[in-house]
Amino acid sequence: MENEPNSPTVVSNGLPGIQALLSPSSQLPRLDEDQLKCLESNFQKNRNPSDLDIAIIAAEVGLEETPVR
């Protein structure tokens, strides 16, 4: 079965019950260079941020929490 143009892609890592849903690029937020640098810097510091960390990062870059997550 092929994916619809705007439907998420399911990626499995071979572990039972664990799958990632990748959104199509057309549904991702557009980021300016400063937002991207801030997000990348935070990801390098902490690859598994808490909900509070995500809220702080979202406020810093001016995005909603969902796209930052």
PDB file of N, CA and C in Angstrom:
ATOM      1  N   MET A   1       0.843  -1.193   0.000  1.00  0.00           N
ATOM      2  CA  MET A   1       0.000   0.000   0.000  1.00  0.00           C
ATOM      3  C   MET A   1       0.879   1.244   0.000  1.00  0.00           C
ATOM      4  N   GLU A   2       0.645   2.171  -0.916  1.00  0.00           N
ATOM      5  CA  GLU A   2       1.429   3.394  -0.985  1.00  0.00           C
ATOM      6  C   GLU A   2       0.862   4.430  -0.031  1.00  0.00           C
ATOM      7  N   ASN A   3       1.748   5.318   0.449  1.00  0.00           N
ATOM      8  CA  ASN A   3       1.314   6.411   1.315  1.00  0.00           C
ATOM      9  C   ASN A   3       0.607   7.476   0.495  1.00  0.00           C
ATOM     10  N   GLU A   4      -0.390   8.073   1.074  1.00  0.00           N
ATOM     11  CA  GLU A   4      -1.040   9.223   0.473  1.00  0.00           C
ATOM     12  C   GLU A   4      -0.025  10.364   0.474  1.00  0.00           C
ATOM     13  N   PRO A   5      -0.157  11.356  -0.403  1.00  0.00           N
ATOM     14  CA  PRO A   5       0.831  12.432  -0.469  1.00  0.00           C
ATOM     15  C   PRO A   5       1.050  13.165   0.852  1.00  0.00           C
ATOM     16  N   ASN A   6       0.015  13.366   1.647  1.00  0.00           N
ATOM     17  CA  ASN A   6       0.158  14.102   2.896  1.00  0.00           C
ATOM     18  C   ASN A   6      -0.051  13.238   4.124  1.00  0.00           C
ATOM     19  N   SER A   7       0.122  11.933   4.002  1.00  0.00           N
ATOM     20  CA  SER A   7      -0.037  11.065   5.164  1.00  0.00           C
ATOM     21  C   SER A   7       1.330  10.761   5.755  1.00  0.00           C
ATOM     22  N   PRO A   8       1.396  10.500   7.069  1.00  0.00           N
ATOM     23  CA  PRO A   8       2.681  10.203   7.703  1.00  0.00           C
ATOM     24  C   PRO A   8       3.281   8.911   7.160  1.00  0.00           C
ATOM     25  N   THR A   9       4.591   8.854   7.143  1.00  0.00           N
ATOM     26  CA  THR A   9       5.316   7.654   6.762  1.00  0.00           C
ATOM     27  C   THR A   9       5.637   6.874   8.023  1.00  0.00           C
ATOM     28  N   VAL A  10       5.382   5.569   8.017  1.00  0.00           N
ATOM     29  CA  VAL A  10       5.675   4.728   9.176  1.00  0.00           C
ATOM     30  C   VAL A  10       7.048   4.112   8.973  1.00  0.00           C
ATOM     31  N   VAL A  11       7.911   4.297   9.970  1.00  0.00           N
ATOM     32  CA  VAL A  11       9.259   3.747   9.932  1.00  0.00           C
ATOM     33  C   VAL A  11       9.412   2.824  11.117  1.00  0.00           C
ATOM     34  N   SER A  12       9.852   1.603  10.874  1.00  0.00           N
ATOM     35  CA  SER A  12      10.054   0.636  11.948  1.00  0.00           C
ATOM     36  C   SER A  12      11.541   0.383  12.108  1.00  0.00           C
ATOM     37  N   ASN A  13      11.975   0.244  13.355  1.00  0.00           N
ATOM     38  CA  ASN A  13      13.387  -0.013  13.617  1.00  0.00           C
ATOM     39  C   ASN A  13      13.652  -1.491  13.871  1.00  0.00           C
ATOM     40  N   GLY A  14      12.677  -2.337  13.616  1.00  0.00           N
ATOM     41  CA  GLY A  14      12.844  -3.765  13.821  1.00  0.00           C
ATOM     42  C   GLY A  14      12.446  -4.242  15.203  1.00  0.00           C
ATOM     43  N   LEU A  15      12.183  -3.329  16.123  1.00  0.00           N
ATOM     44  CA  LEU A  15      11.734  -3.711  17.454  1.00  0.00           C
ATOM     45  C   LEU A  15      10.218  -3.811  17.447  1.00  0.00           C
ATOM     46  N   PRO A  16       9.670  -4.880  18.001  1.00  0.00           N
ATOM     47  CA  PRO A  16       8.213  -5.031  17.987  1.00  0.00           C
ATOM     48  C   PRO A  16       7.518  -3.906  18.756  1.00  0.00           C
ATOM     49  N   GLY A  17       6.502  -3.340  18.147  1.00  0.00           N
ATOM     50  CA  GLY A  17       5.686  -2.330  18.813  1.00  0.00           C
ATOM     51  C   GLY A  17       6.261  -0.929  18.795  1.00  0.00           C
ATOM     52  N   ILE A  18       7.433  -0.723  18.186  1.00  0.00           N
ATOM     53  CA  ILE A  18       8.036   0.608  18.162  1.00  0.00           C
ATOM     54  C   ILE A  18       8.100   1.084  16.719  1.00  0.00           C
ATOM     55  N   GLN A  19       7.402   2.194  16.444  1.00  0.00           N
ATOM     56  CA  GLN A  19       7.399   2.774  15.111  1.00  0.00           C
ATOM     57  C   GLN A  19       7.465   4.285  15.234  1.00  0.00           C
ATOM     58  N   ALA A  20       8.070   4.920  14.267  1.00  0.00           N
ATOM     59  CA  ALA A  20       8.095   6.375  14.199  1.00  0.00           C
ATOM     60  C   ALA A  20       7.172   6.809  13.068  1.00  0.00           C
ATOM     61  N   LEU A  21       6.443   7.878  13.293  1.00  0.00           N
ATOM     62  CA  LEU A  21       5.606   8.451  12.243  1.00  0.00           C
ATOM     63  C   LEU A  21       6.285   9.725  11.761  1.00  0.00           C
ATOM     64  N   LEU A  22       6.678   9.755  10.512  1.00  0.00           N
ATOM     65  CA  LEU A  22       7.340  10.912   9.940  1.00  0.00           C
ATOM     66  C   LEU A  22       6.331  11.712   9.134  1.00  0.00           C
ATOM     67  N   SER A  23       6.197  12.989   9.472  1.00  0.00           N
ATOM     68  CA  SER A  23       5.272  13.854   8.748  1.00  0.00           C
ATOM     69  C   SER A  23       5.869  14.239   7.402  1.00  0.00           C
ATOM     70  N   PRO A  24       5.030  14.406   6.397  1.00  0.00           N
ATOM     71  CA  PRO A  24       5.529  14.894   5.111  1.00  0.00           C
ATOM     72  C   PRO A  24       6.142  16.285   5.286  1.00  0.00           C
ATOM     73  N   SER A  25       7.161  16.588   4.519  1.00  0.00           N
ATOM     74  CA  SER A  25       7.847  17.872   4.667  1.00  0.00           C
ATOM     75  C   SER A  25       6.908  19.053   4.452  1.00  0.00           C
ATOM     76  N   SER A  26       5.864  18.874   3.662  1.00  0.00           N
ATOM     77  CA  SER A  26       4.915  19.966   3.428  1.00  0.00           C
ATOM     78  C   SER A  26       4.132  20.332   4.682  1.00  0.00           C
ATOM     79  N   GLN A  27       4.100  19.442   5.680  1.00  0.00           N
ATOM     80  CA  GLN A  27       3.369  19.711   6.919  1.00  0.00           C
ATOM     81  C   GLN A  27       4.281  20.180   8.053  1.00  0.00           C
ATOM     82  N   LEU A  28       5.577  20.258   7.799  1.00  0.00           N
ATOM     83  CA  LEU A  28       6.514  20.700   8.827  1.00  0.00           C
ATOM     84  C   LEU A  28       6.560  22.223   8.865  1.00  0.00           C
ATOM     85  N   PRO A  29       6.828  22.798  10.054  1.00  0.00           N
ATOM     86  CA  PRO A  29       6.895  24.260  10.132  1.00  0.00           C
ATOM     87  C   PRO A  29       8.118  24.787   9.383  1.00  0.00           C
ATOM     88  N   ARG A  30       7.991  25.967   8.824  1.00  0.00           N
ATOM     89  CA  ARG A  30       9.123  26.625   8.161  1.00  0.00           C
ATOM     90  C   ARG A  30       9.944  27.317   9.245  1.00  0.00           C
ATOM     91  N   LEU A  31      11.240  27.080   9.240  1.00  0.00           N
ATOM     92  CA  LEU A  31      12.115  27.635  10.264  1.00  0.00           C
ATOM     93  C   LEU A  31      13.098  28.608   9.633  1.00  0.00           C
ATOM     94  N   ASP A  32      13.357  29.714  10.349  1.00  0.00           N
ATOM     95  CA  ASP A  32      14.419  30.584   9.868  1.00  0.00           C
ATOM     96  C   ASP A  32      15.747  30.073  10.435  1.00  0.00           C
ATOM     97  N   GLU A  33      16.837  30.659  10.013  1.00  0.00           N
ATOM     98  CA  GLU A  33      18.164  30.167  10.381  1.00  0.00           C
ATOM     99  C   GLU A  33      18.398  30.206  11.894  1.00  0.00           C
ATOM    100  N   ASP A  34      17.947  31.273  12.566  1.00  0.00           N
ATOM    101  CA  ASP A  34      18.140  31.383  14.017  1.00  0.00           C
ATOM    102  C   ASP A  34      17.349  30.310  14.772  1.00  0.00           C
ATOM    103  N   GLN A  35      16.113  30.049  14.343  1.00  0.00           N
ATOM    104  CA  GLN A  35      15.307  29.004  14.983  1.00  0.00           C
ATOM    105  C   GLN A  35      15.975  27.644  14.825  1.00  0.00           C
ATOM    106  N   LEU A  36      16.451  27.365  13.630  1.00  0.00           N
ATOM    107  CA  LEU A  36      17.100  26.087  13.357  1.00  0.00           C
ATOM    108  C   LEU A  36      18.356  25.915  14.209  1.00  0.00           C
ATOM    109  N   LYS A  37      19.174  26.954  14.318  1.00  0.00           N
ATOM    110  CA  LYS A  37      20.391  26.889  15.136  1.00  0.00           C
ATOM    111  C   LYS A  37      20.054  26.646  16.601  1.00  0.00           C
ATOM    112  N   CYS A  38      19.020  27.318  17.107  1.00  0.00           N
ATOM    113  CA  CYS A  38      18.610  27.145  18.500  1.00  0.00           C
ATOM    114  C   CYS A  38      18.120  25.724  18.747  1.00  0.00           C
ATOM    115  N   LEU A  39      17.298  25.207  17.845  1.00  0.00           N
ATOM    116  CA  LEU A  39      16.792  23.844  17.998  1.00  0.00           C
ATOM    117  C   LEU A  39      17.926  22.822  17.935  1.00  0.00           C
ATOM    118  N   GLU A  40      18.838  22.996  16.997  1.00  0.00           N
ATOM    119  CA  GLU A  40      19.963  22.063  16.876  1.00  0.00           C
ATOM    120  C   GLU A  40      20.864  22.119  18.104  1.00  0.00           C
ATOM    121  N   SER A  41      21.108  23.313  18.616  1.00  0.00           N
ATOM    122  CA  SER A  41      21.939  23.476  19.810  1.00  0.00           C
ATOM    123  C   SER A  41      21.308  22.781  21.008  1.00  0.00           C
ATOM    124  N   ASN A  42      20.014  22.969  21.187  1.00  0.00           N
ATOM    125  CA  ASN A  42      19.319  22.320  22.301  1.00  0.00           C
ATOM    126  C   ASN A  42      19.317  20.807  22.148  1.00  0.00           C
ATOM    127  N   PHE A  43      19.178  20.319  20.923  1.00  0.00           N
ATOM    128  CA  PHE A  43      19.180  18.873  20.689  1.00  0.00           C
ATOM    129  C   PHE A  43      20.553  18.275  20.998  1.00  0.00           C
ATOM    130  N   GLN A  44      21.615  19.003  20.678  1.00  0.00           N
ATOM    131  CA  GLN A  44      22.960  18.513  20.983  1.00  0.00           C
ATOM    132  C   GLN A  44      23.192  18.440  22.494  1.00  0.00           C
ATOM    133  N   LYS A  45      22.607  19.373  23.240  1.00  0.00           N
ATOM    134  CA  LYS A  45      22.758  19.386  24.704  1.00  0.00           C
ATOM    135  C   LYS A  45      21.930  18.294  25.366  1.00  0.00           C
ATOM    136  N   ASN A  46      20.720  18.067  24.850  1.00  0.00           N
ATOM    137  CA  ASN A  46      19.800  17.122  25.476  1.00  0.00           C
ATOM    138  C   ASN A  46      18.926  16.496  24.395  1.00  0.00           C
ATOM    139  N   ARG A  47      19.195  15.252  24.076  1.00  0.00           N
ATOM    140  CA  ARG A  47      18.452  14.578  23.005  1.00  0.00           C
ATOM    141  C   ARG A  47      17.100  14.041  23.456  1.00  0.00           C
ATOM    142  N   ASN A  48      16.790  14.123  24.726  1.00  0.00           N
ATOM    143  CA  ASN A  48      15.501  13.653  25.242  1.00  0.00           C
ATOM    144  C   ASN A  48      14.956  14.677  26.239  1.00  0.00           C
ATOM    145  N   PRO A  49      14.538  15.856  25.753  1.00  0.00           N
ATOM    146  CA  PRO A  49      14.087  16.912  26.662  1.00  0.00           C
ATOM    147  C   PRO A  49      12.757  16.580  27.338  1.00  0.00           C
ATOM    148  N   SER A  50      12.608  17.088  28.544  1.00  0.00           N
ATOM    149  CA  SER A  50      11.350  16.920  29.282  1.00  0.00           C
ATOM    150  C   SER A  50      10.288  17.838  28.678  1.00  0.00           C
ATOM    151  N   ASP A  51       9.054  17.678  29.133  1.00  0.00           N
ATOM    152  CA  ASP A  51       7.971  18.550  28.665  1.00  0.00           C
ATOM    153  C   ASP A  51       8.269  20.011  28.997  1.00  0.00           C
ATOM    154  N   LEU A  52       8.847  20.257  30.174  1.00  0.00           N
ATOM    155  CA  LEU A  52       9.202  21.624  30.563  1.00  0.00           C
ATOM    156  C   LEU A  52      10.283  22.177  29.637  1.00  0.00           C
ATOM    157  N   ASP A  53      11.300  21.369  29.348  1.00  0.00           N
ATOM    158  CA  ASP A  53      12.360  21.801  28.430  1.00  0.00           C
ATOM    159  C   ASP A  53      11.782  22.147  27.061  1.00  0.00           C
ATOM    160  N   ILE A  54      10.860  21.329  26.577  1.00  0.00           N
ATOM    161  CA  ILE A  54      10.239  21.578  25.271  1.00  0.00           C
ATOM    162  C   ILE A  54       9.463  22.892  25.292  1.00  0.00           C
ATOM    163  N   ALA A  55       8.751  23.151  26.381  1.00  0.00           N
ATOM    164  CA  ALA A  55       7.999  24.408  26.499  1.00  0.00           C
ATOM    165  C   ALA A  55       8.949  25.605  26.467  1.00  0.00           C
ATOM    166  N   ILE A  56      10.072  25.492  27.144  1.00  0.00           N
ATOM    167  CA  ILE A  56      11.051  26.585  27.177  1.00  0.00           C
ATOM    168  C   ILE A  56      11.673  26.792  25.796  1.00  0.00           C
ATOM    169  N   ILE A  57      12.057  25.703  25.159  1.00  0.00           N
ATOM    170  CA  ILE A  57      12.654  25.794  23.819  1.00  0.00           C
ATOM    171  C   ILE A  57      11.655  26.403  22.839  1.00  0.00           C
ATOM    172  N   ALA A  58      10.405  25.961  22.904  1.00  0.00           N
ATOM    173  CA  ALA A  58       9.366  26.495  22.011  1.00  0.00           C
ATOM    174  C   ALA A  58       9.208  28.000  22.201  1.00  0.00           C
ATOM    175  N   ALA A  59       9.219  28.445  23.453  1.00  0.00           N
ATOM    176  CA  ALA A  59       9.099  29.880  23.730  1.00  0.00           C
ATOM    177  C   ALA A  59      10.309  30.636  23.181  1.00  0.00           C
ATOM    178  N   GLU A  60      11.496  30.051  23.314  1.00  0.00           N
ATOM    179  CA  GLU A  60      12.716  30.701  22.825  1.00  0.00           C
ATOM    180  C   GLU A  60      12.701  30.888  21.311  1.00  0.00           C
ATOM    181  N   VAL A  61      12.179  29.916  20.589  1.00  0.00           N
ATOM    182  CA  VAL A  61      12.210  29.992  19.120  1.00  0.00           C
ATOM    183  C   VAL A  61      10.915  30.518  18.512  1.00  0.00           C
ATOM    184  N   GLY A  62       9.892  30.746  19.340  1.00  0.00           N
ATOM    185  CA  GLY A  62       8.643  31.310  18.843  1.00  0.00           C
ATOM    186  C   GLY A  62       7.764  30.327  18.094  1.00  0.00           C
ATOM    187  N   LEU A  63       7.788  29.061  18.526  1.00  0.00           N
ATOM    188  CA  LEU A  63       6.948  28.035  17.913  1.00  0.00           C
ATOM    189  C   LEU A  63       6.050  27.405  18.967  1.00  0.00           C
ATOM    190  N   GLU A  64       5.013  26.712  18.502  1.00  0.00           N
ATOM    191  CA  GLU A  64       4.193  25.913  19.404  1.00  0.00           C
ATOM    192  C   GLU A  64       5.022  24.721  19.877  1.00  0.00           C
ATOM    193  N   GLU A  65       4.607  24.096  20.969  1.00  0.00           N
ATOM    194  CA  GLU A  65       5.348  22.957  21.508  1.00  0.00           C
ATOM    195  C   GLU A  65       5.309  21.742  20.581  1.00  0.00           C
ATOM    196  N   THR A  66       4.186  21.517  19.900  1.00  0.00           N
ATOM    197  CA  THR A  66       4.052  20.316  19.063  1.00  0.00           C
ATOM    198  C   THR A  66       5.130  20.223  17.983  1.00  0.00           C
ATOM    199  N   PRO A  67       5.393  21.269  17.191  1.00  0.00           N
ATOM    200  CA  PRO A  67       6.455  21.126  16.189  1.00  0.00           C
ATOM    201  C   PRO A  67       7.855  21.004  16.799  1.00  0.00           C
ATOM    202  N   VAL A  68       8.042  21.545  18.000  1.00  0.00           N
ATOM    203  CA  VAL A  68       9.343  21.428  18.667  1.00  0.00           C
ATOM    204  C   VAL A  68       9.545  20.003  19.143  1.00  0.00           C
ATOM    205  N   ARG A  69       8.463  19.378  19.564  1.00  0.00           N
ATOM    206  CA  ARG A  69       8.522  18.005  20.077  1.00  0.00           C
ATOM    207  C   ARG A  69       9.054  17.090  19.013  1.00  0.00           C
TER     208      ARG A  69
END
